[in-house]
Amino acid sequence: MDEESIESSSAGAASPIASLPTEVLIAIFQNLRMPDLASVRQTCTHWYDIVINNRTLMNRFVLSLRNCRIHEGCEQWSVLIISRSVFEKVCLKSCTIGPATELWRAIGGNVVELTLNDCTMNAETLFDLLRCTRNNLRSLTLKSTKFDDHSIGNVPLDFSMERLTSLTLRSTFVYDEFFHAFKQICPILKALKLTFSSFEHWGEKLVEFVVALRGTLDAITLSYTKAGSVLLQQLGRIEHLRLRKVSLKSCYELKERDILELARLQPSIVHLNLDNLFSADEQFLRALSAFLPQMKRIKLRVARVSNLHQAFLINLPQLNYLKITDTTHQKDLFSRDLSAYENGSLEKLYVSAATFSRNILPRFFERCPNIRSLTLYQCTYENIHDLQLAFSHLKALEYLNLQRTFDISDSFFNRDVFDTVVMPFERIRFYPITNLRKLCYLNLSHCRDLSDQSLMSLSFSLLKKIDLRGLHITEAGIASLVRECPLLEYVHVDACKRICDTAVLYLCRDLKHLKLLNLESCKAITDRAIAHILNHCRCLVWLNMMSCPQLSDEAKAQLSSIRTIRSLYL
């Protein structure tokens, strides 16, 4: 065949791909692995435009720089300037950041999410970076950020971040000057999140910040801060402020009266997080539900509640997320009249440390059948078969967490679906966990009586995440699991002492979409396990092999060659 005919046949072979509609190409690109998608973006101008103009595809590209010094002329600066790469997400971790205006101008125009984690910089550099990302930045997170010089007196705040809606300051000391500066450049901020952070005095500048943004701000997180009653009252009394989401988790200075006063002043609140705070009694619950009848999501601890339904739940008809921890472990909390509670809107339920009486769960879930996420953490049951019966009403369940449920054993999964149990006025078929066809997440960690027999009973075609930490399982159970749950992406088998190299082979070879693998404290694995990871894992982004004593340093060093891994713990 001559050269001309080769060229014509090559052109003919390429033409069908070139003529595919854009929507078809997008569908193809969405199913590519990350390295392949990066290659697609560099193939031609047409494909490049398709990728950068599609938000779903661009969200997969993250510029992640760690443990480096970023300044004009550094290696990262040179590479990024030359490549002209486009990113919507940028994460800088443990970096020392100096002046690099040209770099931020080159990549900042498309950045939507910016995270600075454990970085060191000065205030002038921070605001210069924000000036270059002002056009599209919607979310800014400063986590454990240290400032050499926090003074911003000489920094010109001659710009406005017109799209920034979320500001997160975590584990950071927020100087008054910062509140003053962000007040000027964030005109439409909707969510302010201060977590594990502190501020000057009792928070006067924080109140002024909220006053300035009261027209748009509707979500405040003050979890793990020194927020006290004075700060909460001042925030609640701000005129024209309409809060919808408030998180006060672990704000230990707050009392019940402070929360009730905030609820009275801000009746628009629909999301409230009081987790790990005081233990609410029946009187508090009645008052809170009276002030906030439109509540949709709540997290709290309770104690000395004789009738949760009548005192609280009956007054919240729109509730769709309930997280509740019983600090007294009393059996009657979920017994009296709870079966009368009916809520078709309830989608997520988290119950911790509760004791369930006989027949309560099946009747409760019969009246709340639309639950998609269920967590029963370290709960005990008068009759464990009630939990099996409950599954017959939760056919839409997607997320199931039974962590530290010590009452279940292998028979919980193997029980015959046609068995019946006599209940008052009716006979109900058992509906084992294996019949939950929509399940995407399953947590059985530290359920100490489970073994390979349980894994051999699981068959979830849509399951993507599973947590089996601390179980007595071997390669036999893993072989069955990867065969019956082929779409698994996240697997935790840490602290499973009987997991060996063969089990790792099954996980890496047979799970084509494996992204996260936790093998911490799997004492039996050797260098062969690392060889299996190197040979078979093409999508792995997170790997933990800490406390594995039989791994050699030479084998560990080879893991750095896996280009897809973002988080590696050895």
Protein backbone atom coordinates (compact mmCIF):
# COMPACT_ATOMS: atom_id res chain seq x y z
CA MET A 1 0.00 0.00 0.00
CA ASP A 2 1.46 3.35 -0.99
CA GLU A 3 1.81 6.38 1.28
CA GLU A 4 -1.19 8.18 -0.26
CA SER A 5 -3.55 5.29 0.39
CA ILE A 6 -2.35 5.03 3.99
CA GLU A 7 -3.12 8.71 4.56
CA SER A 8 -6.56 8.41 3.00
CA SER A 9 -7.46 5.33 5.06
CA SER A 10 -6.27 7.05 8.25
CA ALA A 11 -8.39 10.08 7.48
CA GLY A 12 -11.37 7.84 6.78
CA ALA A 13 -10.91 6.04 10.09
CA ALA A 14 -10.75 9.31 12.02
CA SER A 15 -13.71 10.98 10.38
CA PRO A 16 -16.46 9.08 12.28
CA ILE A 17 -15.01 10.22 15.62
CA ALA A 18 -14.57 13.79 14.44
CA SER A 19 -18.20 13.90 13.28
CA LEU A 20 -19.73 12.67 16.56
CA PRO A 21 -22.16 15.14 18.17
CA THR A 22 -20.90 17.09 21.16
CA GLU A 23 -23.35 15.43 23.56
CA VAL A 24 -22.06 11.99 22.51
CA LEU A 25 -18.45 13.04 23.07
CA ILE A 26 -19.35 14.41 26.51
CA ALA A 27 -20.97 11.09 27.43
CA ILE A 28 -17.81 9.26 26.35
CA PHE A 29 -15.50 11.65 28.20
CA GLN A 30 -17.51 11.27 31.43
CA ASN A 31 -16.64 7.56 31.53
CA LEU A 32 -12.90 8.00 31.00
CA ARG A 33 -10.30 7.61 33.72
CA MET A 34 -8.74 10.83 34.92
CA PRO A 35 -5.39 10.39 33.08
CA ASP A 36 -7.27 9.64 29.85
CA LEU A 37 -9.48 12.69 30.27
CA ALA A 38 -6.36 14.80 30.72
CA SER A 39 -5.02 13.38 27.43
CA VAL A 40 -8.33 14.15 25.71
CA ARG A 41 -8.03 17.80 26.75
CA GLN A 42 -4.66 17.99 25.02
CA THR A 43 -5.69 16.18 21.82
CA CYS A 44 -7.20 19.02 19.78
CA THR A 45 -8.80 22.43 20.12
CA HIS A 46 -12.34 21.06 19.65
CA TRP A 47 -12.04 18.49 22.43
CA TYR A 48 -10.27 21.02 24.64
CA ASP A 49 -13.21 23.42 24.29
CA ILE A 50 -15.71 20.65 25.06
CA VAL A 51 -13.93 19.72 28.29
CA ILE A 52 -13.30 23.21 29.68
CA ASN A 53 -16.87 24.32 28.94
CA ASN A 54 -18.45 21.37 30.75
CA ARG A 55 -18.72 21.86 34.53
CA THR A 56 -19.00 18.12 35.29
CA LEU A 57 -15.81 17.31 33.41
CA MET A 58 -13.89 20.29 34.75
CA ASN A 59 -14.78 19.40 38.34
CA ARG A 60 -12.58 16.33 37.96
CA PHE A 61 -9.49 18.48 37.39
CA VAL A 62 -7.86 19.60 40.64
CA LEU A 63 -4.60 21.51 40.89
CA SER A 64 -3.07 20.06 44.05
CA LEU A 65 0.34 21.30 45.23
CA ARG A 66 1.91 20.06 48.47
CA ASN A 67 4.98 20.71 50.55
CA CYS A 68 6.54 23.28 48.25
CA ARG A 69 7.45 26.94 48.05
CA ILE A 70 5.39 28.90 45.54
CA HIS A 71 6.90 32.15 44.25
CA GLU A 72 7.80 33.90 41.03
CA GLY A 73 10.15 31.67 39.01
CA CYS A 74 9.67 28.43 41.01
CA GLU A 75 9.37 25.11 39.20
CA GLN A 76 5.57 24.89 39.60
CA TRP A 77 5.26 28.48 38.40
CA SER A 78 7.23 27.71 35.22
CA VAL A 79 5.32 24.53 34.37
CA LEU A 80 1.87 26.05 34.88
CA ILE A 81 2.69 29.23 32.96
CA ILE A 82 3.98 27.27 29.96
CA SER A 83 1.19 24.65 29.93
CA ARG A 84 -1.61 27.23 30.16
CA SER A 85 -3.67 24.67 32.07
CA VAL A 86 -7.19 25.49 33.22
CA PHE A 87 -8.51 24.42 36.65
CA GLU A 88 -11.73 25.04 38.54
CA LYS A 89 -10.47 23.56 41.82
CA VAL A 90 -7.16 24.52 43.42
CA CYS A 91 -5.85 22.99 46.66
CA LEU A 92 -2.53 24.10 48.19
CA LYS A 93 -1.43 22.07 51.22
CA SER A 94 1.55 22.71 53.49
CA CYS A 95 2.93 25.28 51.06
CA THR A 96 4.86 28.47 51.71
CA ILE A 97 3.26 30.99 49.39
CA GLY A 98 5.08 34.09 48.25
CA PRO A 99 4.39 36.71 45.57
CA ALA A 100 3.42 35.02 42.29
CA THR A 101 1.04 37.45 40.62
CA GLU A 102 1.74 36.25 37.09
CA LEU A 103 0.91 32.65 38.04
CA TRP A 104 -2.38 33.58 39.73
CA ARG A 105 -3.38 35.68 36.74
CA ALA A 106 -2.69 32.74 34.42
CA ILE A 107 -4.80 30.16 36.30
CA GLY A 108 -7.06 32.27 38.50
CA GLY A 109 -9.65 33.29 35.93
CA ASN A 110 -11.36 29.87 35.95
CA VAL A 111 -10.93 28.91 39.62
CA VAL A 112 -14.26 28.21 41.33
CA GLU A 113 -13.04 26.54 44.55
CA LEU A 114 -9.85 27.54 46.36
CA THR A 115 -8.49 25.73 49.44
CA LEU A 116 -5.40 26.79 51.38
CA ASN A 117 -4.59 24.05 53.91
CA ASP A 118 -1.78 24.47 56.46
CA CYS A 119 -0.11 27.11 54.31
CA THR A 120 2.15 29.96 55.37
CA MET A 121 1.84 33.39 53.77
CA ASN A 122 1.22 37.03 54.57
CA ALA A 123 -2.01 38.95 54.23
CA GLU A 124 -0.82 40.91 51.20
CA THR A 125 -0.13 37.69 49.27
CA LEU A 126 -3.55 36.29 50.20
CA PHE A 127 -5.49 39.29 48.92
CA ASP A 128 -3.34 39.49 45.79
CA LEU A 129 -4.32 35.86 45.13
CA LEU A 130 -8.01 36.67 45.72
CA ARG A 131 -7.81 39.64 43.37
CA CYS A 132 -6.66 37.29 40.58
CA THR A 133 -9.43 34.74 41.25
CA ARG A 134 -12.27 37.23 41.78
CA ASN A 135 -14.11 36.59 38.50
CA ASN A 136 -15.41 33.06 39.16
CA LEU A 137 -14.45 32.11 42.73
CA ARG A 138 -17.48 30.78 44.61
CA SER A 139 -15.91 28.97 47.56
CA LEU A 140 -12.87 29.94 49.66
CA THR A 141 -11.46 27.74 52.44
CA LEU A 142 -8.59 28.76 54.75
CA LYS A 143 -7.62 25.82 56.95
CA SER A 144 -4.83 26.07 59.54
CA THR A 145 -3.41 28.98 57.58
CA LYS A 146 -0.57 30.85 59.27
CA PHE A 147 0.19 34.48 58.48
CA ASP A 148 3.71 35.91 58.78
CA ASP A 149 2.18 39.36 58.77
CA HIS A 150 -1.57 39.76 59.21
CA SER A 151 -1.57 43.50 58.70
CA ILE A 152 -3.52 44.53 55.61
CA GLY A 153 -3.28 48.26 56.12
CA ASN A 154 -1.29 48.75 52.93
CA VAL A 155 -3.21 46.23 50.82
CA PRO A 156 -5.50 47.93 48.26
CA LEU A 157 -8.97 46.38 48.45
CA ASP A 158 -9.91 47.75 45.06
CA PHE A 159 -11.79 44.66 43.86
CA SER A 160 -14.99 42.79 44.59
CA MET A 161 -15.65 39.06 44.60
CA GLU A 162 -19.07 39.17 43.01
CA ARG A 163 -19.57 35.38 42.95
CA LEU A 164 -18.12 34.31 46.29
CA THR A 165 -20.94 32.72 48.29
CA SER A 166 -19.10 30.49 50.78
CA LEU A 167 -16.25 31.45 53.15
CA THR A 168 -14.74 28.78 55.43
CA LEU A 169 -12.18 29.64 58.10
CA ARG A 170 -11.11 26.42 59.85
CA SER A 171 -8.50 26.11 62.61
CA THR A 172 -7.46 29.68 61.93
CA PHE A 173 -7.20 32.76 64.12
CA VAL A 174 -9.39 35.36 62.43
CA TYR A 175 -8.04 38.84 63.04
CA ASP A 176 -10.42 41.79 63.19
CA GLU A 177 -8.72 43.22 60.09
CA PHE A 178 -9.75 40.14 58.12
CA PHE A 179 -13.42 40.56 59.02
CA HIS A 180 -13.15 44.19 57.95
CA ALA A 181 -11.51 43.25 54.63
CA PHE A 182 -13.87 40.40 53.72
CA LYS A 183 -16.81 42.66 54.58
CA GLN A 184 -15.70 44.99 51.79
CA ILE A 185 -14.93 42.45 49.05
CA CYS A 186 -17.69 39.80 49.57
CA PRO A 187 -20.97 41.56 48.73
CA ILE A 188 -23.15 38.44 48.20
CA LEU A 189 -21.75 35.98 50.76
CA LYS A 190 -24.36 33.40 51.77
CA ALA A 191 -22.47 31.02 54.08
CA LEU A 192 -19.87 31.78 56.76
CA LYS A 193 -18.20 28.77 58.40
CA LEU A 194 -15.95 29.24 61.43
CA THR A 195 -14.86 25.82 62.70
CA PHE A 196 -12.15 25.21 65.31
CA SER A 197 -11.34 28.90 64.83
CA SER A 198 -11.00 31.78 67.23
CA PHE A 199 -11.40 35.52 67.00
CA GLU A 200 -10.55 38.61 68.97
CA HIS A 201 -12.50 39.54 72.13
CA TRP A 202 -16.06 38.14 72.18
CA GLY A 203 -16.63 38.66 68.46
CA GLU A 204 -17.59 42.31 67.96
CA LYS A 205 -16.09 42.43 64.46
CA LEU A 206 -17.82 39.17 63.58
CA VAL A 207 -21.15 40.79 64.44
CA GLU A 208 -20.29 43.84 62.33
CA PHE A 209 -19.36 41.50 59.47
CA VAL A 210 -22.75 39.77 59.66
CA VAL A 211 -24.55 43.13 59.89
CA ALA A 212 -22.90 44.27 56.67
CA LEU A 213 -23.92 41.07 54.84
CA ARG A 214 -27.33 40.53 56.43
CA GLY A 215 -29.08 40.92 53.09
CA THR A 216 -27.57 37.74 51.63
CA LEU A 217 -26.08 35.75 54.55
CA ASP A 218 -28.34 32.90 55.60
CA ALA A 219 -25.94 30.24 56.99
CA ILE A 220 -23.53 30.51 59.93
CA THR A 221 -21.32 27.77 61.36
CA LEU A 222 -19.64 28.42 64.71
CA SER A 223 -18.83 24.81 65.60
CA TYR A 224 -15.96 24.25 68.05
CA THR A 225 -15.55 27.95 68.76
CA LYS A 226 -15.76 30.07 71.91
CA ALA A 227 -19.15 31.48 70.87
CA GLY A 228 -21.06 32.56 73.97
CA SER A 229 -24.48 33.86 74.89
CA VAL A 230 -23.59 37.51 74.18
CA LEU A 231 -22.43 36.74 70.63
CA LEU A 232 -25.47 34.59 69.92
CA GLN A 233 -27.90 37.23 71.18
CA GLN A 234 -26.21 39.96 69.14
CA LEU A 235 -26.41 37.84 65.99
CA GLY A 236 -30.04 36.93 66.60
CA ARG A 237 -31.08 40.57 67.04
CA ILE A 238 -29.59 41.84 63.77
CA GLU A 239 -32.40 43.53 61.88
CA HIS A 240 -33.35 42.01 58.52
CA LEU A 241 -31.08 38.98 59.11
CA ARG A 242 -32.91 35.79 58.13
CA LEU A 243 -30.81 32.77 59.09
CA ARG A 244 -31.75 29.40 57.66
CA LYS A 245 -28.78 27.23 58.64
CA VAL A 246 -27.00 27.42 62.00
CA SER A 247 -24.37 25.04 63.38
CA LEU A 248 -23.28 25.34 67.01
CA LYS A 249 -21.71 21.93 67.49
CA SER A 250 -19.46 21.70 70.55
CA CYS A 251 -19.91 25.34 71.56
CA TYR A 252 -19.68 24.38 75.20
CA GLU A 253 -20.35 27.83 76.65
CA LEU A 254 -23.89 27.87 75.29
CA LYS A 255 -26.87 26.89 77.43
CA GLU A 256 -30.42 25.84 76.60
CA ARG A 257 -31.78 29.35 77.16
CA ASP A 258 -29.31 30.76 74.60
CA ILE A 259 -30.53 28.37 71.91
CA LEU A 260 -34.19 29.07 72.67
CA GLU A 261 -33.57 32.83 72.50
CA LEU A 262 -31.90 32.45 69.10
CA ALA A 263 -34.82 30.32 67.90
CA ARG A 264 -37.28 32.98 69.08
CA LEU A 265 -35.36 35.76 67.31
CA GLN A 266 -34.67 33.77 64.12
CA PRO A 267 -37.80 31.68 63.37
CA SER A 268 -36.58 31.25 59.78
CA ILE A 269 -34.02 28.61 60.86
CA VAL A 270 -34.65 25.27 59.14
CA HIS A 271 -31.24 23.58 59.69
CA LEU A 272 -29.91 23.45 63.27
CA ASN A 273 -26.88 21.53 64.53
CA LEU A 274 -26.66 21.17 68.31
CA ASP A 275 -24.59 17.99 68.20
CA ASN A 276 -22.22 17.33 71.10
CA LEU A 277 -23.69 20.20 73.08
CA PHE A 278 -25.89 19.86 76.17
CA SER A 279 -28.37 16.99 76.56
CA ALA A 280 -31.81 18.38 75.76
CA ASP A 281 -34.73 17.53 78.03
CA GLU A 282 -38.42 17.30 77.19
CA GLN A 283 -39.18 20.92 78.15
CA PHE A 284 -36.47 22.24 75.84
CA LEU A 285 -37.66 20.11 72.93
CA ARG A 286 -41.24 21.35 73.26
CA ALA A 287 -40.13 24.99 73.31
CA LEU A 288 -37.69 24.57 70.41
CA SER A 289 -40.25 22.90 68.16
CA ALA A 290 -42.76 25.65 68.98
CA PHE A 291 -40.30 28.37 67.92
CA LEU A 292 -39.11 26.51 64.79
CA PRO A 293 -42.09 24.64 63.31
CA GLN A 294 -40.55 24.77 59.81
CA MET A 295 -37.49 22.80 60.89
CA LYS A 296 -36.16 20.39 58.23
CA ARG A 297 -32.82 19.23 59.66
CA ILE A 298 -31.71 18.92 63.28
CA LYS A 299 -28.88 17.24 65.19
CA LEU A 300 -28.94 17.03 68.97
CA ARG A 301 -28.44 14.97 72.13
CA VAL A 302 -31.33 14.12 74.41
CA ALA A 303 -31.82 12.93 77.98
CA ARG A 304 -34.76 12.44 80.32
CA VAL A 305 -37.30 12.39 77.49
CA SER A 306 -40.22 10.12 78.23
CA ASN A 307 -42.05 10.68 74.94
CA LEU A 308 -39.96 11.93 72.02
CA HIS A 309 -42.90 11.78 69.63
CA GLN A 310 -45.35 13.92 71.58
CA ALA A 311 -42.72 16.31 72.94
CA PHE A 312 -40.92 17.01 69.71
CA LEU A 313 -41.44 15.07 66.49
CA ILE A 314 -45.17 15.63 66.14
CA ASN A 315 -44.54 19.39 65.91
CA LEU A 316 -42.09 19.08 62.98
CA PRO A 317 -44.07 17.82 59.98
CA GLN A 318 -41.45 18.96 57.43
CA LEU A 319 -38.48 17.24 59.09
CA ASN A 320 -36.34 15.38 56.53
CA TYR A 321 -33.11 14.83 58.53
CA LEU A 322 -32.93 13.78 62.17
CA LYS A 323 -29.74 12.99 64.07
CA ILE A 324 -30.27 12.11 67.70
CA THR A 325 -28.02 10.68 70.39
CA ASP A 326 -29.49 9.17 73.53
CA THR A 327 -27.18 9.98 76.44
CA THR A 328 -29.19 7.90 78.92
CA HIS A 329 -29.55 4.63 76.91
CA GLN A 330 -33.11 4.36 78.19
CA LYS A 331 -35.38 1.91 76.42
CA ASP A 332 -38.50 4.04 76.53
CA LEU A 333 -37.09 6.89 74.44
CA PHE A 334 -38.00 5.16 71.16
CA SER A 335 -40.90 3.18 72.54
CA ARG A 336 -43.81 5.25 73.68
CA ASP A 337 -46.02 6.19 70.76
CA LEU A 338 -43.11 6.44 68.33
CA SER A 339 -44.90 4.00 66.05
CA ALA A 340 -47.61 6.68 65.67
CA TYR A 341 -45.16 9.16 64.13
CA GLU A 342 -45.84 9.54 60.42
CA ASN A 343 -43.58 11.58 58.15
CA GLY A 344 -43.28 10.94 54.43
CA SER A 345 -40.64 13.69 54.17
CA LEU A 346 -38.08 12.03 56.46
CA GLU A 347 -35.13 10.99 54.25
CA LYS A 348 -32.18 10.75 56.66
CA LEU A 349 -32.17 9.26 60.15
CA TYR A 350 -29.15 8.99 62.47
CA VAL A 351 -29.67 7.38 65.87
CA SER A 352 -26.78 6.76 68.27
CA ALA A 353 -26.58 4.71 71.45
CA ALA A 354 -30.30 3.95 71.63
CA THR A 355 -32.11 0.85 72.87
CA PHE A 356 -35.08 -0.27 70.78
CA SER A 357 -38.00 -2.15 72.26
CA ARG A 358 -39.73 -4.99 70.45
CA ASN A 359 -41.83 -4.12 67.36
CA ILE A 360 -40.92 -0.40 67.38
CA LEU A 361 -38.70 -0.25 64.29
CA PRO A 362 -41.01 -2.01 61.79
CA ARG A 363 -43.95 0.20 62.69
CA PHE A 364 -41.87 3.38 62.69
CA PHE A 365 -40.41 2.74 59.22
CA GLU A 366 -43.79 1.70 57.86
CA ARG A 367 -44.94 5.28 58.50
CA CYS A 368 -41.64 6.82 57.31
CA PRO A 369 -41.00 4.76 54.17
CA ASN A 370 -38.95 7.30 52.19
CA ILE A 371 -35.77 7.11 54.25
CA ARG A 372 -32.74 6.95 51.95
CA SER A 373 -30.01 7.23 54.59
CA LEU A 374 -30.11 5.25 57.85
CA THR A 375 -27.47 5.17 60.59
CA LEU A 376 -28.00 3.10 63.72
CA TYR A 377 -24.69 3.58 65.53
CA GLN A 378 -23.95 1.34 68.51
CA CYS A 379 -27.63 0.68 69.11
CA THR A 380 -29.05 -2.34 70.92
CA TYR A 381 -32.23 -4.24 70.17
CA GLU A 382 -34.64 -6.21 72.29
CA ASN A 383 -35.29 -8.27 69.15
CA ILE A 384 -32.72 -7.99 66.35
CA HIS A 385 -35.22 -9.46 63.87
CA ASP A 386 -37.16 -6.19 64.11
CA LEU A 387 -34.37 -4.64 62.08
CA GLN A 388 -34.85 -7.25 59.37
CA LEU A 389 -38.56 -6.56 59.33
CA ALA A 390 -37.89 -2.83 59.03
CA PHE A 391 -36.08 -3.34 55.73
CA SER A 392 -39.35 -4.39 54.10
CA HIS A 393 -40.46 -0.74 54.35
CA LEU A 394 -37.16 0.84 53.25
CA LYS A 395 -36.83 -0.34 49.69
CA ALA A 396 -35.42 3.03 48.60
CA LEU A 397 -32.55 2.85 51.11
CA GLU A 398 -29.20 3.94 49.61
CA TYR A 399 -27.02 4.49 52.70
CA LEU A 400 -26.89 2.06 55.63
CA ASN A 401 -24.57 2.37 58.63
CA LEU A 402 -24.75 -0.36 61.28
CA GLN A 403 -21.37 0.40 62.85
CA ARG A 404 -20.77 -1.30 66.21
CA THR A 405 -24.05 -3.19 66.14
CA PHE A 406 -23.00 -6.05 68.40
CA ASP A 407 -26.36 -7.83 68.22
CA ILE A 408 -25.98 -8.95 64.60
CA SER A 409 -24.18 -12.11 63.49
CA ASP A 410 -23.80 -14.06 60.24
CA SER A 411 -27.36 -15.38 60.58
CA PHE A 412 -28.64 -11.81 60.25
CA PHE A 413 -27.74 -11.90 56.54
CA ASN A 414 -28.48 -15.55 55.85
CA ARG A 415 -31.98 -15.81 57.29
CA ASP A 416 -34.48 -17.20 54.79
CA VAL A 417 -36.57 -14.47 53.22
CA PHE A 418 -39.69 -16.64 53.44
CA ASP A 419 -39.53 -17.05 57.20
CA THR A 420 -42.30 -15.30 59.04
CA VAL A 421 -42.74 -13.86 62.48
CA VAL A 422 -45.97 -13.42 64.40
CA MET A 423 -46.77 -9.83 65.27
CA PRO A 424 -50.00 -8.43 66.74
CA PHE A 425 -52.79 -8.77 64.15
CA GLU A 426 -50.45 -9.57 61.25
CA ARG A 427 -47.75 -11.81 59.85
CA ILE A 428 -44.85 -10.13 58.06
CA ARG A 429 -42.20 -11.68 55.85
CA PHE A 430 -38.59 -11.17 56.72
CA TYR A 431 -36.83 -8.80 54.35
CA PRO A 432 -33.07 -9.35 54.74
CA ILE A 433 -30.54 -6.64 54.12
CA THR A 434 -29.53 -8.37 50.90
CA ASN A 435 -32.84 -7.35 49.31
CA LEU A 436 -31.98 -3.65 49.44
CA ARG A 437 -31.39 -3.27 45.72
CA LYS A 438 -30.60 0.46 45.72
CA LEU A 439 -27.91 0.32 48.40
CA CYS A 440 -24.79 2.35 47.53
CA TYR A 441 -23.08 2.54 50.94
CA LEU A 442 -22.77 -0.11 53.65
CA ASN A 443 -20.90 0.21 56.97
CA LEU A 444 -20.48 -2.95 59.06
CA SER A 445 -17.30 -1.89 60.84
CA HIS A 446 -16.63 -3.37 64.26
CA CYS A 447 -19.65 -5.68 64.11
CA ARG A 448 -17.51 -8.21 65.91
CA ASP A 449 -19.50 -11.39 65.18
CA LEU A 450 -19.43 -11.09 61.37
CA SER A 451 -17.19 -13.29 59.22
CA ASP A 452 -16.71 -14.45 55.63
CA GLN A 453 -20.15 -16.04 55.75
CA SER A 454 -21.75 -12.59 55.89
CA LEU A 455 -19.76 -11.32 52.91
CA MET A 456 -20.77 -14.38 50.90
CA SER A 457 -24.40 -13.42 51.45
CA LEU A 458 -24.04 -9.85 50.18
CA SER A 459 -25.05 -9.04 46.62
CA PHE A 460 -25.46 -5.36 45.77
CA SER A 461 -25.08 -4.47 42.12
CA LEU A 462 -25.02 -0.70 42.86
CA LEU A 463 -22.81 -0.74 45.97
CA LYS A 464 -19.91 1.74 45.71
CA LYS A 465 -18.64 2.10 49.28
CA ILE A 466 -18.19 -0.50 52.01
CA ASP A 467 -16.57 -0.32 55.44
CA LEU A 468 -15.50 -3.64 56.97
CA ARG A 469 -12.86 -2.46 59.40
CA GLY A 470 -12.13 -4.72 62.34
CA LEU A 471 -13.98 -7.79 60.98
CA HIS A 472 -12.67 -11.39 61.02
CA ILE A 473 -12.69 -11.81 57.24
CA THR A 474 -10.30 -13.51 54.81
CA GLU A 475 -9.64 -13.73 51.09
CA ALA A 476 -12.60 -16.13 50.73
CA GLY A 477 -15.07 -13.43 51.77
CA ILE A 478 -13.32 -10.78 49.68
CA ALA A 479 -13.49 -13.01 46.58
CA SER A 480 -17.26 -13.27 46.93
CA LEU A 481 -17.63 -9.56 47.69
CA VAL A 482 -15.81 -8.33 44.56
CA ARG A 483 -17.78 -10.78 42.42
CA GLU A 484 -21.21 -9.72 43.71
CA CYS A 485 -20.45 -6.01 44.14
CA PRO A 486 -18.38 -5.15 41.04
CA LEU A 487 -18.92 -1.35 41.20
CA LEU A 488 -17.14 -0.87 44.52
CA GLU A 489 -14.96 2.25 44.58
CA TYR A 490 -14.23 2.74 48.30
CA VAL A 491 -13.13 -0.24 50.44
CA HIS A 492 -12.09 -0.10 54.10
CA VAL A 493 -10.61 -3.33 55.45
CA ASP A 494 -8.26 -1.70 57.96
CA ALA A 495 -7.59 -3.60 61.18
CA CYS A 496 -8.74 -6.84 59.53
CA LYS A 497 -5.91 -9.03 60.80
CA ARG A 498 -6.62 -11.93 58.44
CA ILE A 499 -6.53 -9.90 55.23
CA CYS A 500 -3.57 -11.18 53.17
CA ASP A 501 -1.88 -10.54 49.81
CA THR A 502 -4.42 -12.69 47.97
CA ALA A 503 -7.29 -10.58 49.30
CA VAL A 504 -5.50 -7.45 48.08
CA LEU A 505 -5.09 -9.09 44.66
CA TYR A 506 -8.85 -9.70 44.41
CA LEU A 507 -9.60 -6.10 45.39
CA CYS A 508 -7.14 -4.54 42.95
CA ARG A 509 -7.66 -6.88 40.01
CA ASP A 510 -11.43 -7.33 40.06
CA LEU A 511 -12.61 -3.87 41.14
CA LYS A 512 -12.04 -1.84 37.98
CA HIS A 513 -13.22 1.43 39.56
CA LEU A 514 -11.34 1.20 42.88
CA LYS A 515 -10.49 4.73 44.09
CA LEU A 516 -9.93 4.32 47.83
CA LEU A 517 -8.28 1.40 49.65
CA ASN A 518 -7.63 1.39 53.38
CA LEU A 519 -5.28 -1.40 54.52
CA GLU A 520 -4.06 0.17 57.75
CA SER A 521 -3.00 -2.35 60.41
CA CYS A 522 -3.45 -5.34 58.10
CA LYS A 523 -0.52 -7.16 59.66
CA ALA A 524 -0.46 -10.09 57.23
CA ILE A 525 0.16 -8.24 53.96
CA THR A 526 3.64 -8.19 52.42
CA ASP A 527 5.44 -6.57 49.49
CA ARG A 528 3.36 -8.75 47.16
CA ALA A 529 0.33 -6.61 48.06
CA ILE A 530 2.15 -3.52 46.81
CA ALA A 531 2.99 -5.38 43.58
CA HIS A 532 -0.74 -6.12 43.08
CA ILE A 533 -1.57 -2.43 43.59
CA LEU A 534 1.09 -1.37 41.07
CA ASN A 535 -0.02 -3.92 38.48
CA HIS A 536 -3.79 -3.53 38.63
CA CYS A 537 -4.91 -0.20 40.15
CA ARG A 538 -5.56 2.39 37.45
CA CYS A 539 -7.97 4.73 39.25
CA LEU A 540 -6.64 4.69 42.83
CA VAL A 541 -6.51 8.18 44.39
CA TRP A 542 -6.33 7.34 48.15
CA LEU A 543 -4.26 4.59 49.80
CA ASN A 544 -3.49 3.89 53.45
CA MET A 545 -0.94 1.18 54.33
CA MET A 546 0.18 2.47 57.71
CA SER A 547 1.13 0.02 60.48
CA CYS A 548 1.79 -2.87 58.09
CA PRO A 549 5.05 -4.23 59.58
CA GLN A 550 5.93 -6.68 56.77
CA LEU A 551 6.20 -3.98 54.08
CA SER A 552 9.73 -2.99 53.09
CA ASP A 553 10.85 0.58 52.49
CA GLU A 554 11.87 -0.34 48.94
CA ALA A 555 8.38 -1.57 48.09
CA LYS A 556 6.75 1.49 49.67
CA ALA A 557 8.93 3.78 47.57
CA GLN A 558 7.51 2.22 44.40
CA LEU A 559 4.03 3.52 45.22
CA SER A 560 5.11 7.04 44.34
CA SER A 561 5.06 5.96 40.69
CA ILE A 562 1.23 5.73 40.72
CA ARG A 563 0.32 9.04 39.12
CA THR A 564 -3.34 8.95 40.08
CA ILE A 565 -2.77 8.82 43.87
CA ARG A 566 -3.40 12.11 45.64
CA SER A 567 -3.31 10.88 49.25
CA LEU A 568 -0.77 8.25 50.31
CA TYR A 569 -0.30 7.18 53.93
CA LEU A 570 2.63 4.89 54.71
